[in-house]
Protein backbone atom coordinates (compact mmCIF):
# COMPACT_ATOMS: atom_id res chain seq x y z
CA UNK A 1 -9.66 -0.91 -6.02
CA UNK A 2 -8.50 0.09 -2.59
CA UNK A 3 -6.41 3.12 -1.84
CA UNK A 4 -4.22 3.42 1.26
CA UNK A 5 -5.11 7.03 2.07
CA UNK A 6 -6.27 8.93 5.13
CA UNK A 7 -8.25 11.83 3.64
CA UNK A 8 -10.12 12.85 0.47
CA UNK A 9 -7.24 14.98 -0.84
CA UNK A 10 -4.91 11.98 -0.70
CA UNK A 11 -7.60 9.80 -2.31
CA UNK A 12 -7.96 12.12 -5.31
CA UNK A 13 -4.18 12.42 -5.64
CA UNK A 14 -3.87 8.62 -5.67
CA UNK A 15 -6.16 8.22 -8.68
CA UNK A 16 -4.74 7.72 -12.15
CA UNK A 17 -5.28 10.64 -14.52
CA UNK A 18 -7.87 8.92 -16.70
CA UNK A 19 -11.61 8.77 -17.40
CA UNK A 20 -12.32 7.23 -13.99
CA UNK A 21 -10.94 10.25 -12.17
CA UNK A 22 -13.00 12.55 -14.40
CA UNK A 23 -16.24 10.63 -13.72
CA UNK A 24 -15.53 10.35 -10.01
CA UNK A 25 -14.88 14.09 -9.79
CA UNK A 26 -18.16 14.81 -11.62
CA UNK A 27 -20.15 12.65 -9.21
CA UNK A 28 -18.25 14.06 -6.23
CA UNK A 29 -19.19 17.60 -7.31
CA UNK A 30 -22.85 16.60 -7.54
CA UNK A 31 -22.81 15.03 -4.07
CA UNK A 32 -21.24 18.14 -2.56
CA UNK A 33 -23.82 20.35 -4.29
CA UNK A 34 -27.01 18.42 -3.49
CA UNK A 35 -25.97 17.02 -0.10
CA UNK A 36 -23.86 19.79 1.48
CA UNK A 37 -24.69 18.60 5.01
CA UNK A 38 -22.82 15.33 4.47
CA UNK A 39 -19.16 15.48 5.42
CA UNK A 40 -16.68 13.98 2.99
CA UNK A 41 -14.17 11.57 4.45
CA UNK A 42 -12.60 8.15 3.99
CA UNK A 43 -14.38 4.94 5.01
CA UNK A 44 -13.61 1.40 3.80
CA UNK A 45 -10.67 2.90 1.84
CA UNK A 46 -12.97 4.98 -0.38
CA UNK A 47 -14.64 8.37 -0.30
CA UNK A 48 -17.57 8.53 2.07
CA UNK A 49 -20.28 11.09 2.73
CA UNK A 50 -21.61 10.98 6.26
CA UNK A 51 -23.43 12.78 9.02
CA UNK A 52 -23.57 12.03 12.73
CA UNK A 53 -25.41 8.75 12.00
CA UNK A 54 -22.62 7.48 9.78
CA UNK A 55 -22.01 7.14 6.04
CA UNK A 56 -24.89 7.74 3.66
CA UNK A 57 -22.88 7.18 0.46
CA UNK A 58 -19.53 5.89 -0.74
CA UNK A 59 -17.73 6.67 -3.98
CA UNK A 60 -14.83 4.68 -5.44
CA UNK A 61 -12.83 4.28 -8.64
CA UNK A 62 -12.67 0.60 -9.62
CA UNK A 63 -10.62 -0.92 -12.44
CA UNK A 64 -13.41 -0.75 -15.04
CA UNK A 65 -15.94 1.69 -13.59
CA UNK A 66 -16.65 4.26 -10.91
CA UNK A 67 -18.97 2.98 -8.22
CA UNK A 68 -21.44 4.99 -6.18
CA UNK A 69 -22.73 3.04 -3.19
CA UNK A 70 -26.10 4.21 -1.95
CA UNK A 71 -27.68 1.26 -0.16
CA UNK A 72 -30.67 -0.16 -2.02
CA UNK A 73 -31.10 1.78 -5.28
CA UNK A 74 -34.71 0.51 -5.63
CA UNK A 75 -35.63 2.21 -2.33
CA UNK A 76 -34.45 5.51 -3.78
CA UNK A 77 -35.71 5.06 -7.36
CA UNK A 78 -38.41 2.34 -7.41
CA UNK A 79 -39.22 2.80 -11.13
CA UNK A 80 -35.59 2.98 -12.27
CA UNK A 81 -36.25 6.15 -14.25
CA UNK A 82 -33.55 8.21 -12.55
CA UNK A 83 -30.89 5.57 -13.24
CA UNK A 84 -31.92 4.70 -16.78
CA UNK A 85 -28.88 3.94 -18.94
CA UNK A 86 -26.60 3.28 -15.96
CA UNK A 87 -25.45 -0.14 -14.75
CA UNK A 88 -27.17 -0.68 -11.39
CA UNK A 89 -26.73 -3.43 -8.84
CA UNK A 90 -28.75 -3.67 -5.64
CA UNK A 91 -26.58 -1.21 -3.74
CA UNK A 92 -24.11 0.01 -6.34
CA UNK A 93 -24.48 2.35 -9.28
CA UNK A 94 -21.66 1.74 -11.77
CA UNK A 95 -20.41 4.36 -14.20
CA UNK A 96 -18.51 2.73 -17.04
CA UNK A 97 -16.30 4.57 -19.51
CA UNK A 98 -19.10 4.96 -22.07
CA UNK A 99 -21.49 6.71 -19.65
CA UNK A 100 -21.48 10.51 -19.76
CA UNK A 101 -22.36 11.60 -16.21
CA UNK A 102 -23.75 14.92 -17.51
CA UNK A 103 -26.30 13.05 -19.65
CA UNK A 104 -27.74 11.06 -16.76
CA UNK A 105 -30.17 11.90 -13.98
CA UNK A 106 -27.73 10.93 -11.24
CA UNK A 107 -28.02 14.41 -9.75
CA UNK A 108 -31.74 13.86 -9.21
CA UNK A 109 -31.09 10.39 -7.82
CA UNK A 110 -28.50 11.65 -5.34
CA UNK A 111 -30.81 14.48 -4.29
CA UNK A 112 -33.65 12.02 -3.58
CA UNK A 113 -31.28 9.66 -1.73
CA UNK A 114 -29.90 12.53 0.37
CA UNK A 115 -33.41 13.73 1.23
CA UNK A 116 -34.50 10.26 2.27
CA UNK A 117 -31.32 9.87 4.34
CA UNK A 118 -31.89 13.26 6.02
CA UNK A 119 -35.49 12.29 6.84
CA UNK A 120 -34.32 9.03 8.42
CA UNK A 121 -35.95 6.89 5.74
CA UNK A 122 -34.27 3.48 5.40
CA UNK A 123 -32.40 3.21 2.10
CA UNK A 124 -30.00 0.46 3.22
CA UNK A 125 -29.75 -2.90 1.48
């Protein structure tokens, strides 16, 4: 889904009060905690987390899941252990209603991705 907003506060306010907002807020909190050097903003009509090189991550509430865009997930987690139990595409990690964010290792995954990004390691698709 796309939201016609200009800043993160407007983005959050535009979300429906449902499970997607709850999951997005959980992931957003993790990103802010483990990647505090990335500035939150809006890019491609979704939340983005960037530094002076541009966006490292994007976060968006879709109709049936919350998506976390990280580039190539296999470059961050080659064995898939950190994303076990989560629906993963090449560049998108999808959190469906049945996934409890607190019972995943997404915090570790985001920390690794943020470290690789900070070190200039290519994690793009």
